[in-house]
N, C-alpha and C. Protein backbone atom coordinates (compact mmCIF):
# COMPACT_ATOMS: atom_id res chain seq x y z
N MET A 1 140.73 71.98 75.94
CA MET A 1 141.80 71.01 76.07
C MET A 1 141.94 70.62 77.53
N HIS A 2 142.20 69.34 77.76
CA HIS A 2 142.48 68.82 79.10
C HIS A 2 143.98 68.59 79.21
N GLU A 3 144.55 69.09 80.30
CA GLU A 3 145.98 68.90 80.52
C GLU A 3 146.19 68.21 81.86
N ILE A 4 146.90 67.09 81.80
CA ILE A 4 147.10 66.24 82.98
C ILE A 4 148.60 66.08 83.20
N ARG A 5 149.03 66.28 84.45
CA ARG A 5 150.43 66.09 84.81
C ARG A 5 150.53 64.95 85.80
N TRP A 6 151.41 64.01 85.51
CA TRP A 6 151.60 62.81 86.32
C TRP A 6 152.92 62.91 87.10
N HIS A 7 152.87 62.75 88.42
CA HIS A 7 154.07 62.76 89.25
C HIS A 7 154.27 61.37 89.83
N GLY A 8 155.42 60.81 89.60
CA GLY A 8 155.73 59.50 90.14
C GLY A 8 157.22 59.32 90.30
N ARG A 9 157.60 58.10 90.49
CA ARG A 9 159.01 57.75 90.59
C ARG A 9 159.31 56.72 89.50
N GLY A 10 160.56 56.70 89.06
CA GLY A 10 160.96 55.75 88.04
C GLY A 10 160.57 54.34 88.44
N GLY A 11 159.91 53.63 87.55
CA GLY A 11 159.47 52.27 87.83
C GLY A 11 158.01 52.16 88.23
N GLN A 12 157.35 53.29 88.46
CA GLN A 12 155.93 53.28 88.84
C GLN A 12 155.00 53.38 87.64
N GLY A 13 155.54 53.59 86.46
CA GLY A 13 154.70 53.63 85.27
C GLY A 13 154.09 54.98 84.95
N GLY A 14 154.72 56.07 85.38
CA GLY A 14 154.19 57.40 85.14
C GLY A 14 154.06 57.74 83.66
N PHE A 15 155.08 57.43 82.87
CA PHE A 15 154.97 57.71 81.45
C PHE A 15 154.07 56.70 80.76
N THR A 16 154.11 55.47 81.19
CA THR A 16 153.23 54.45 80.60
C THR A 16 151.77 54.87 80.72
N VAL A 17 151.38 55.35 81.88
CA VAL A 17 149.98 55.73 82.08
C VAL A 17 149.63 56.98 81.28
N ALA A 18 150.57 57.92 81.15
CA ALA A 18 150.32 59.11 80.32
C ALA A 18 150.07 58.69 78.88
N ARG A 19 150.87 57.74 78.41
CA ARG A 19 150.74 57.22 77.05
C ARG A 19 149.44 56.44 76.85
N LEU A 20 149.07 55.62 77.84
CA LEU A 20 147.82 54.85 77.74
C LEU A 20 146.60 55.76 77.68
N LEU A 21 146.62 56.82 78.48
CA LEU A 21 145.51 57.77 78.44
C LEU A 21 145.44 58.45 77.07
N GLY A 22 146.59 58.84 76.55
CA GLY A 22 146.62 59.44 75.22
C GLY A 22 146.12 58.49 74.15
N MET A 23 146.50 57.21 74.26
CA MET A 23 146.05 56.20 73.31
C MET A 23 144.54 56.03 73.39
N ALA A 24 144.01 55.99 74.60
CA ALA A 24 142.56 55.84 74.77
C ALA A 24 141.82 56.99 74.08
N ALA A 25 142.35 58.20 74.23
CA ALA A 25 141.70 59.37 73.64
C ALA A 25 141.79 59.37 72.12
N SER A 26 142.98 59.10 71.60
CA SER A 26 143.16 59.23 70.15
C SER A 26 142.70 58.02 69.36
N VAL A 27 143.05 56.83 69.81
CA VAL A 27 142.73 55.62 69.04
C VAL A 27 141.27 55.22 69.22
N PHE A 28 140.75 55.34 70.43
CA PHE A 28 139.40 54.80 70.70
C PHE A 28 138.30 55.86 70.78
N GLU A 29 138.69 57.15 70.82
CA GLU A 29 137.65 58.18 70.89
C GLU A 29 137.80 59.25 69.81
N GLY A 30 138.79 59.11 68.96
CA GLY A 30 138.94 60.04 67.84
C GLY A 30 139.35 61.44 68.24
N LYS A 31 139.90 61.60 69.43
CA LYS A 31 140.37 62.91 69.88
C LYS A 31 141.84 63.05 69.52
N PHE A 32 142.36 64.22 69.74
CA PHE A 32 143.79 64.46 69.56
C PHE A 32 144.45 64.35 70.93
N SER A 33 145.65 63.76 70.96
CA SER A 33 146.34 63.65 72.24
C SER A 33 147.84 63.75 72.03
N LEU A 34 148.49 64.09 73.12
CA LEU A 34 149.94 64.18 73.14
C LEU A 34 150.37 63.71 74.53
N ALA A 35 151.29 62.76 74.58
CA ALA A 35 151.80 62.24 75.85
C ALA A 35 153.32 62.23 75.78
N PHE A 36 153.95 62.73 76.83
CA PHE A 36 155.41 62.75 76.83
C PHE A 36 155.93 62.77 78.26
N PRO A 37 157.16 62.28 78.45
CA PRO A 37 157.77 62.24 79.78
C PRO A 37 158.75 63.39 79.98
N SER A 38 159.15 63.57 81.22
CA SER A 38 160.24 64.46 81.57
C SER A 38 160.94 63.84 82.77
N PHE A 39 162.19 63.53 82.63
CA PHE A 39 162.93 62.95 83.75
C PHE A 39 164.40 63.26 83.61
N GLY A 40 165.10 63.16 84.73
CA GLY A 40 166.53 63.41 84.76
C GLY A 40 167.26 62.09 84.64
N PRO A 41 168.12 61.80 85.61
CA PRO A 41 168.86 60.54 85.57
C PRO A 41 167.89 59.36 85.51
N GLU A 42 168.13 58.48 84.57
CA GLU A 42 167.23 57.36 84.38
C GLU A 42 167.54 56.25 85.38
N ARG A 43 166.91 56.33 86.53
CA ARG A 43 167.11 55.29 87.53
C ARG A 43 165.80 55.05 88.27
N ARG A 44 165.62 53.84 88.68
CA ARG A 44 164.43 53.47 89.43
C ARG A 44 164.38 54.27 90.73
N GLY A 45 163.21 54.82 91.01
CA GLY A 45 163.01 55.56 92.25
C GLY A 45 163.20 57.07 92.13
N ALA A 46 163.80 57.55 91.06
CA ALA A 46 163.99 58.99 90.88
C ALA A 46 162.66 59.63 90.46
N PRO A 47 162.40 60.87 90.89
CA PRO A 47 161.16 61.54 90.48
C PRO A 47 161.09 61.69 88.97
N VAL A 48 159.90 61.43 88.42
CA VAL A 48 159.65 61.58 87.00
C VAL A 48 158.31 62.29 86.80
N LEU A 49 158.19 62.91 85.65
CA LEU A 49 156.94 63.57 85.28
C LEU A 49 156.45 62.98 83.97
N GLY A 50 155.14 62.88 83.85
CA GLY A 50 154.51 62.52 82.60
C GLY A 50 153.44 63.56 82.32
N PHE A 51 153.18 63.79 81.06
CA PHE A 51 152.20 64.79 80.67
C PHE A 51 151.27 64.19 79.62
N THR A 52 149.99 64.53 79.71
CA THR A 52 149.02 64.14 78.69
C THR A 52 148.15 65.35 78.37
N ARG A 53 148.05 65.64 77.09
CA ARG A 53 147.12 66.66 76.62
C ARG A 53 146.08 65.93 75.76
N ILE A 54 144.82 66.32 75.94
CA ILE A 54 143.73 65.74 75.16
C ILE A 54 142.84 66.88 74.68
N SER A 55 142.52 66.85 73.40
CA SER A 55 141.73 67.94 72.83
C SER A 55 140.83 67.42 71.71
N GLU A 56 139.78 68.16 71.43
CA GLU A 56 138.91 67.87 70.30
C GLU A 56 139.51 68.40 69.01
N THR A 57 140.50 69.30 69.14
CA THR A 57 141.15 69.89 67.98
C THR A 57 142.64 69.57 68.01
N ARG A 58 143.30 69.78 66.89
CA ARG A 58 144.73 69.49 66.76
C ARG A 58 145.52 70.22 67.87
N ILE A 59 146.50 69.53 68.43
CA ILE A 59 147.34 70.09 69.49
C ILE A 59 148.65 70.56 68.86
N THR A 60 148.92 71.86 69.00
CA THR A 60 150.16 72.40 68.43
C THR A 60 151.19 72.72 69.51
N ASP A 61 150.77 72.84 70.74
CA ASP A 61 151.69 73.15 71.84
C ASP A 61 152.34 71.86 72.33
N ARG A 62 153.64 71.77 72.15
CA ARG A 62 154.38 70.57 72.56
C ARG A 62 155.30 70.85 73.74
N SER A 63 155.08 71.96 74.41
CA SER A 63 155.92 72.32 75.55
C SER A 63 155.43 71.66 76.84
N MET A 64 156.29 71.68 77.86
CA MET A 64 155.87 71.19 79.17
C MET A 64 154.74 72.09 79.67
N MET A 65 153.92 71.59 80.56
CA MET A 65 152.76 72.32 81.05
C MET A 65 153.13 73.20 82.24
N ASP A 66 152.82 74.49 82.11
CA ASP A 66 152.95 75.38 83.26
C ASP A 66 151.69 75.31 84.10
N GLN A 67 150.56 75.13 83.44
CA GLN A 67 149.26 75.05 84.09
C GLN A 67 148.62 73.73 83.69
N CYS A 68 147.85 73.14 84.60
CA CYS A 68 147.16 71.90 84.26
C CYS A 68 145.82 71.81 84.99
N ASP A 69 144.97 70.96 84.44
CA ASP A 69 143.64 70.74 85.02
C ASP A 69 143.67 69.68 86.12
N TYR A 70 144.54 68.69 85.94
CA TYR A 70 144.64 67.57 86.88
C TYR A 70 146.10 67.27 87.16
N VAL A 71 146.40 67.08 88.42
CA VAL A 71 147.71 66.60 88.85
C VAL A 71 147.47 65.25 89.49
N VAL A 72 148.16 64.22 89.01
CA VAL A 72 148.00 62.88 89.54
C VAL A 72 149.31 62.49 90.21
N VAL A 73 149.23 62.19 91.51
CA VAL A 73 150.41 61.89 92.30
C VAL A 73 150.42 60.40 92.63
N LEU A 74 151.34 59.67 91.97
CA LEU A 74 151.43 58.22 92.14
C LEU A 74 152.09 57.84 93.47
N ASP A 75 152.89 58.72 94.01
CA ASP A 75 153.65 58.45 95.23
C ASP A 75 153.54 59.66 96.15
N GLU A 76 152.88 59.50 97.28
CA GLU A 76 152.60 60.63 98.15
C GLU A 76 153.85 61.29 98.71
N THR A 77 155.00 60.62 98.70
CA THR A 77 156.22 61.26 99.20
C THR A 77 156.66 62.41 98.32
N LEU A 78 156.09 62.53 97.14
CA LEU A 78 156.40 63.63 96.24
C LEU A 78 155.52 64.85 96.50
N MET A 79 154.46 64.70 97.26
CA MET A 79 153.49 65.77 97.47
C MET A 79 154.13 66.96 98.17
N GLY A 80 153.95 68.12 97.56
CA GLY A 80 154.49 69.35 98.13
C GLY A 80 154.25 70.51 97.19
N PRO A 81 154.82 71.67 97.49
CA PRO A 81 154.59 72.88 96.68
C PRO A 81 154.94 72.71 95.20
N ALA A 82 156.02 72.02 94.88
CA ALA A 82 156.40 71.85 93.47
C ALA A 82 155.35 71.06 92.69
N VAL A 83 154.76 70.06 93.32
CA VAL A 83 153.73 69.25 92.68
C VAL A 83 152.45 70.05 92.49
N LEU A 84 152.16 70.91 93.43
CA LEU A 84 150.91 71.68 93.40
C LEU A 84 150.99 72.93 92.53
N LYS A 85 152.19 73.30 92.14
CA LYS A 85 152.38 74.50 91.33
C LYS A 85 151.68 74.34 89.98
N GLY A 86 150.93 75.36 89.60
CA GLY A 86 150.33 75.36 88.28
C GLY A 86 149.00 74.64 88.15
N VAL A 87 148.42 74.20 89.26
CA VAL A 87 147.09 73.58 89.17
C VAL A 87 146.08 74.71 88.99
N ARG A 88 145.31 74.65 87.93
CA ARG A 88 144.35 75.71 87.63
C ARG A 88 143.33 75.88 88.75
N GLU A 89 142.65 77.00 88.73
CA GLU A 89 141.71 77.36 89.79
C GLU A 89 140.69 76.27 90.08
N ASN A 90 140.13 75.66 89.06
CA ASN A 90 139.16 74.58 89.26
C ASN A 90 139.80 73.20 89.10
N GLY A 91 141.11 73.18 89.20
CA GLY A 91 141.85 71.94 89.01
C GLY A 91 141.69 70.98 90.18
N VAL A 92 142.07 69.73 89.93
CA VAL A 92 141.93 68.67 90.93
C VAL A 92 143.28 67.96 91.09
N VAL A 93 143.60 67.65 92.34
CA VAL A 93 144.78 66.87 92.65
C VAL A 93 144.31 65.47 93.04
N LEU A 94 144.81 64.46 92.35
CA LEU A 94 144.49 63.07 92.69
C LEU A 94 145.71 62.50 93.38
N LEU A 95 145.50 61.99 94.58
CA LEU A 95 146.62 61.61 95.44
C LEU A 95 146.49 60.17 95.93
N ASN A 96 147.55 59.41 95.73
CA ASN A 96 147.64 58.06 96.26
C ASN A 96 148.09 58.15 97.72
N THR A 97 147.16 57.94 98.64
CA THR A 97 147.49 58.04 100.07
C THR A 97 146.46 57.31 100.91
N LYS A 98 146.90 56.90 102.09
CA LYS A 98 146.00 56.36 103.12
C LYS A 98 145.58 57.44 104.10
N VAL A 99 146.32 58.57 104.11
CA VAL A 99 146.08 59.63 105.09
C VAL A 99 145.88 60.99 104.39
N PRO A 100 144.74 61.19 103.74
CA PRO A 100 144.53 62.43 102.99
C PRO A 100 144.53 63.68 103.85
N GLU A 101 144.10 63.56 105.10
CA GLU A 101 144.05 64.72 105.97
C GLU A 101 145.43 65.37 106.17
N LYS A 102 146.46 64.60 105.99
CA LYS A 102 147.84 65.08 106.12
C LYS A 102 148.17 66.14 105.05
N TYR A 103 147.44 66.15 103.95
CA TYR A 103 147.78 67.00 102.81
C TYR A 103 146.77 68.11 102.53
N ARG A 104 145.65 68.10 103.17
CA ARG A 104 144.57 69.07 102.86
C ARG A 104 145.01 70.52 103.05
N ALA A 105 145.85 70.80 104.03
CA ALA A 105 146.27 72.17 104.31
C ALA A 105 147.27 72.71 103.28
N LEU A 106 147.79 71.86 102.42
CA LEU A 106 148.80 72.29 101.44
C LEU A 106 148.21 73.08 100.27
N THR A 107 146.91 72.93 100.04
CA THR A 107 146.31 73.57 98.86
C THR A 107 144.84 73.86 99.08
N ASP A 108 144.35 74.83 98.33
CA ASP A 108 142.91 75.10 98.34
C ASP A 108 142.22 74.39 97.17
N ARG A 109 142.98 73.67 96.38
CA ARG A 109 142.41 72.89 95.29
C ARG A 109 141.77 71.61 95.84
N LYS A 110 140.84 71.09 95.09
CA LYS A 110 140.19 69.85 95.49
C LYS A 110 141.20 68.71 95.44
N ILE A 111 141.24 67.90 96.51
CA ILE A 111 142.09 66.72 96.54
C ILE A 111 141.18 65.49 96.57
N VAL A 112 141.41 64.59 95.63
CA VAL A 112 140.70 63.31 95.60
C VAL A 112 141.74 62.25 95.95
N ASP A 113 141.45 61.48 96.98
CA ASP A 113 142.43 60.50 97.44
C ASP A 113 141.91 59.08 97.24
N ILE A 114 142.88 58.20 97.06
CA ILE A 114 142.60 56.77 96.94
C ILE A 114 143.85 56.03 97.41
N ASP A 115 143.66 54.93 98.07
CA ASP A 115 144.79 54.10 98.48
C ASP A 115 145.13 53.17 97.31
N ALA A 116 145.79 53.75 96.32
CA ALA A 116 146.12 53.02 95.10
C ALA A 116 147.17 51.93 95.35
N THR A 117 148.03 52.15 96.32
CA THR A 117 149.08 51.16 96.61
C THR A 117 148.46 49.86 97.09
N SER A 118 147.55 49.94 98.04
CA SER A 118 146.91 48.72 98.55
C SER A 118 146.11 48.02 97.46
N LEU A 119 145.44 48.79 96.63
CA LEU A 119 144.66 48.22 95.53
C LEU A 119 145.58 47.51 94.53
N ALA A 120 146.69 48.14 94.19
CA ALA A 120 147.63 47.52 93.25
C ALA A 120 148.23 46.24 93.82
N ILE A 121 148.58 46.27 95.09
CA ILE A 121 149.14 45.06 95.70
C ILE A 121 148.11 43.94 95.72
N GLU A 122 146.88 44.29 96.03
CA GLU A 122 145.80 43.29 96.08
C GLU A 122 145.59 42.61 94.73
N ILE A 123 145.55 43.39 93.66
CA ILE A 123 145.20 42.84 92.35
C ILE A 123 146.43 42.46 91.51
N LEU A 124 147.45 43.30 91.55
CA LEU A 124 148.64 43.05 90.73
C LEU A 124 149.73 42.28 91.46
N GLY A 125 149.67 42.34 92.79
CA GLY A 125 150.73 41.72 93.58
C GLY A 125 151.98 42.57 93.67
N ARG A 126 151.90 43.81 93.19
CA ARG A 126 153.02 44.75 93.19
C ARG A 126 152.51 46.16 93.44
N PRO A 127 153.31 47.02 94.06
CA PRO A 127 152.86 48.39 94.35
C PRO A 127 153.03 49.36 93.17
N ILE A 128 152.59 48.96 92.01
CA ILE A 128 152.67 49.83 90.84
C ILE A 128 151.29 50.46 90.67
N THR A 129 151.22 51.76 90.96
CA THR A 129 149.94 52.44 91.15
C THR A 129 149.39 53.16 89.92
N ASN A 130 150.09 53.10 88.81
CA ASN A 130 149.69 53.93 87.67
C ASN A 130 148.27 53.68 87.18
N THR A 131 147.88 52.42 87.00
CA THR A 131 146.54 52.18 86.45
C THR A 131 145.44 52.44 87.49
N ALA A 132 145.76 52.27 88.76
CA ALA A 132 144.78 52.62 89.80
C ALA A 132 144.51 54.12 89.77
N MET A 133 145.56 54.89 89.63
CA MET A 133 145.39 56.34 89.59
C MET A 133 144.72 56.78 88.29
N LEU A 134 144.91 56.04 87.22
CA LEU A 134 144.21 56.32 85.97
C LEU A 134 142.71 56.11 86.16
N GLY A 135 142.33 55.03 86.82
CA GLY A 135 140.91 54.80 87.11
C GLY A 135 140.32 55.92 87.94
N ALA A 136 141.07 56.40 88.93
CA ALA A 136 140.60 57.53 89.76
C ALA A 136 140.43 58.78 88.92
N LEU A 137 141.38 59.04 88.03
CA LEU A 137 141.28 60.21 87.15
C LEU A 137 140.04 60.13 86.27
N LEU A 138 139.76 58.97 85.71
CA LEU A 138 138.58 58.82 84.86
C LEU A 138 137.30 59.11 85.64
N ALA A 139 137.24 58.64 86.88
CA ALA A 139 136.05 58.85 87.70
C ALA A 139 135.82 60.33 87.99
N VAL A 140 136.88 61.08 88.14
CA VAL A 140 136.78 62.50 88.48
C VAL A 140 136.58 63.36 87.23
N SER A 141 137.27 63.01 86.16
CA SER A 141 137.32 63.91 85.01
C SER A 141 136.38 63.56 83.86
N GLY A 142 136.16 62.27 83.62
CA GLY A 142 135.37 61.87 82.46
C GLY A 142 136.04 62.25 81.15
N VAL A 143 137.36 62.50 81.17
CA VAL A 143 138.07 62.96 79.99
C VAL A 143 138.03 61.93 78.86
N VAL A 144 138.00 60.66 79.20
CA VAL A 144 137.75 59.57 78.25
C VAL A 144 136.92 58.53 78.99
N SER A 145 136.42 57.56 78.27
CA SER A 145 135.58 56.55 78.90
C SER A 145 136.41 55.42 79.50
N LEU A 146 135.83 54.74 80.46
CA LEU A 146 136.45 53.57 81.06
C LEU A 146 136.68 52.50 79.98
N PHE A 147 135.73 52.33 79.09
CA PHE A 147 135.86 51.36 78.02
C PHE A 147 137.11 51.65 77.17
N SER A 148 137.29 52.91 76.77
CA SER A 148 138.43 53.27 75.93
C SER A 148 139.76 53.00 76.63
N VAL A 149 139.83 53.29 77.91
CA VAL A 149 141.07 53.04 78.66
C VAL A 149 141.35 51.54 78.74
N LYS A 150 140.33 50.75 78.99
CA LYS A 150 140.53 49.31 79.06
C LYS A 150 141.00 48.76 77.71
N GLU A 151 140.48 49.29 76.63
CA GLU A 151 140.92 48.87 75.30
C GLU A 151 142.38 49.29 75.06
N ALA A 152 142.74 50.49 75.51
CA ALA A 152 144.13 50.95 75.36
C ALA A 152 145.08 50.06 76.16
N ILE A 153 144.66 49.65 77.35
CA ILE A 153 145.48 48.76 78.16
C ILE A 153 145.66 47.42 77.46
N LYS A 154 144.59 46.90 76.89
CA LYS A 154 144.68 45.62 76.18
C LYS A 154 145.63 45.69 75.00
N GLN A 155 145.66 46.83 74.32
CA GLN A 155 146.56 46.98 73.17
C GLN A 155 147.95 47.43 73.56
N GLY A 156 148.05 48.18 74.64
CA GLY A 156 149.33 48.80 75.00
C GLY A 156 150.16 48.05 76.02
N MET A 157 149.62 47.00 76.61
CA MET A 157 150.35 46.22 77.60
C MET A 157 150.41 44.77 77.16
N GLN A 158 151.36 44.06 77.71
CA GLN A 158 151.45 42.63 77.44
C GLN A 158 150.19 41.95 77.96
N ALA A 159 149.74 40.94 77.23
CA ALA A 159 148.51 40.23 77.59
C ALA A 159 148.57 39.67 79.00
N SER A 160 149.77 39.27 79.44
CA SER A 160 149.91 38.66 80.76
C SER A 160 149.58 39.61 81.90
N ILE A 161 149.66 40.91 81.67
CA ILE A 161 149.35 41.87 82.73
C ILE A 161 148.17 42.76 82.42
N ALA A 162 147.72 42.77 81.17
CA ALA A 162 146.64 43.67 80.76
C ALA A 162 145.34 43.41 81.51
N GLU A 163 144.95 42.15 81.64
CA GLU A 163 143.68 41.83 82.28
C GLU A 163 143.63 42.33 83.73
N ARG A 164 144.71 42.10 84.46
CA ARG A 164 144.75 42.55 85.86
C ARG A 164 144.78 44.07 85.95
N ASN A 165 145.45 44.73 85.01
CA ASN A 165 145.46 46.19 85.03
C ASN A 165 144.09 46.76 84.67
N CYS A 166 143.36 46.10 83.80
CA CYS A 166 141.98 46.50 83.52
C CYS A 166 141.13 46.39 84.79
N ALA A 167 141.34 45.34 85.56
CA ALA A 167 140.61 45.16 86.82
C ALA A 167 140.96 46.26 87.82
N VAL A 168 142.22 46.66 87.87
CA VAL A 168 142.65 47.74 88.76
C VAL A 168 141.98 49.05 88.37
N VAL A 169 142.01 49.37 87.08
CA VAL A 169 141.38 50.61 86.61
C VAL A 169 139.90 50.63 86.98
N GLU A 170 139.23 49.54 86.70
CA GLU A 170 137.80 49.47 86.97
C GLU A 170 137.48 49.60 88.45
N ARG A 171 138.24 48.91 89.30
CA ARG A 171 138.00 48.98 90.75
C ARG A 171 138.27 50.39 91.28
N ALA A 172 139.36 51.01 90.85
CA ALA A 172 139.67 52.38 91.30
C ALA A 172 138.59 53.35 90.83
N TYR A 173 138.13 53.18 89.61
CA TYR A 173 137.06 54.01 89.07
C TYR A 173 135.82 53.90 89.95
N GLU A 174 135.43 52.68 90.27
CA GLU A 174 134.25 52.46 91.10
C GLU A 174 134.43 53.02 92.51
N MET A 175 135.62 52.86 93.08
CA MET A 175 135.88 53.38 94.42
C MET A 175 135.73 54.89 94.48
N VAL A 176 136.29 55.60 93.50
CA VAL A 176 136.22 57.05 93.50
C VAL A 176 134.85 57.54 93.09
N LYS A 177 134.22 56.89 92.13
CA LYS A 177 132.88 57.28 91.69
C LYS A 177 131.86 57.13 92.83
N GLY A 178 132.09 56.14 93.68
CA GLY A 178 131.18 55.88 94.80
C GLY A 178 131.27 56.89 95.93
N GLU A 179 132.30 57.72 95.91
CA GLU A 179 132.48 58.72 96.99
C GLU A 179 131.44 59.80 96.92
């Protein structure tokens, strides 16, 4: 089973991306998935968590994740000990940042960085980094295919924004894969 924890702020699409990844796995690849959010006061800018579990077999554990394979950080201001807690020994932290060296000393886990904010602004015209970070996750994990995620975006988002979000996912995937 693959367990992914998404850290973001309200309005950045943390739960949306957890759900899209789950949809890609279950609808387009025949896997089992579970996606759910965790947040406190519902307000834009407040820290939020999203979770995605993907498995080849039925998922019976519906609890929050104590341990995970991937931590995806949509907003680098959230980066710290609480975000890094529970990353498995071979786990990977995916971080939206322009200055990755600032965070390397915080953990012995592998950190994969991408400037998702600049990419989102370039293509979407807004600093919503969720699909850029999804593309980075796909490049690192291979948990589902790029094709499946693009299909999930086409079905799970309004047509007016789906095409541009597919472009963001693809560009982020290529940027990280090229490293």
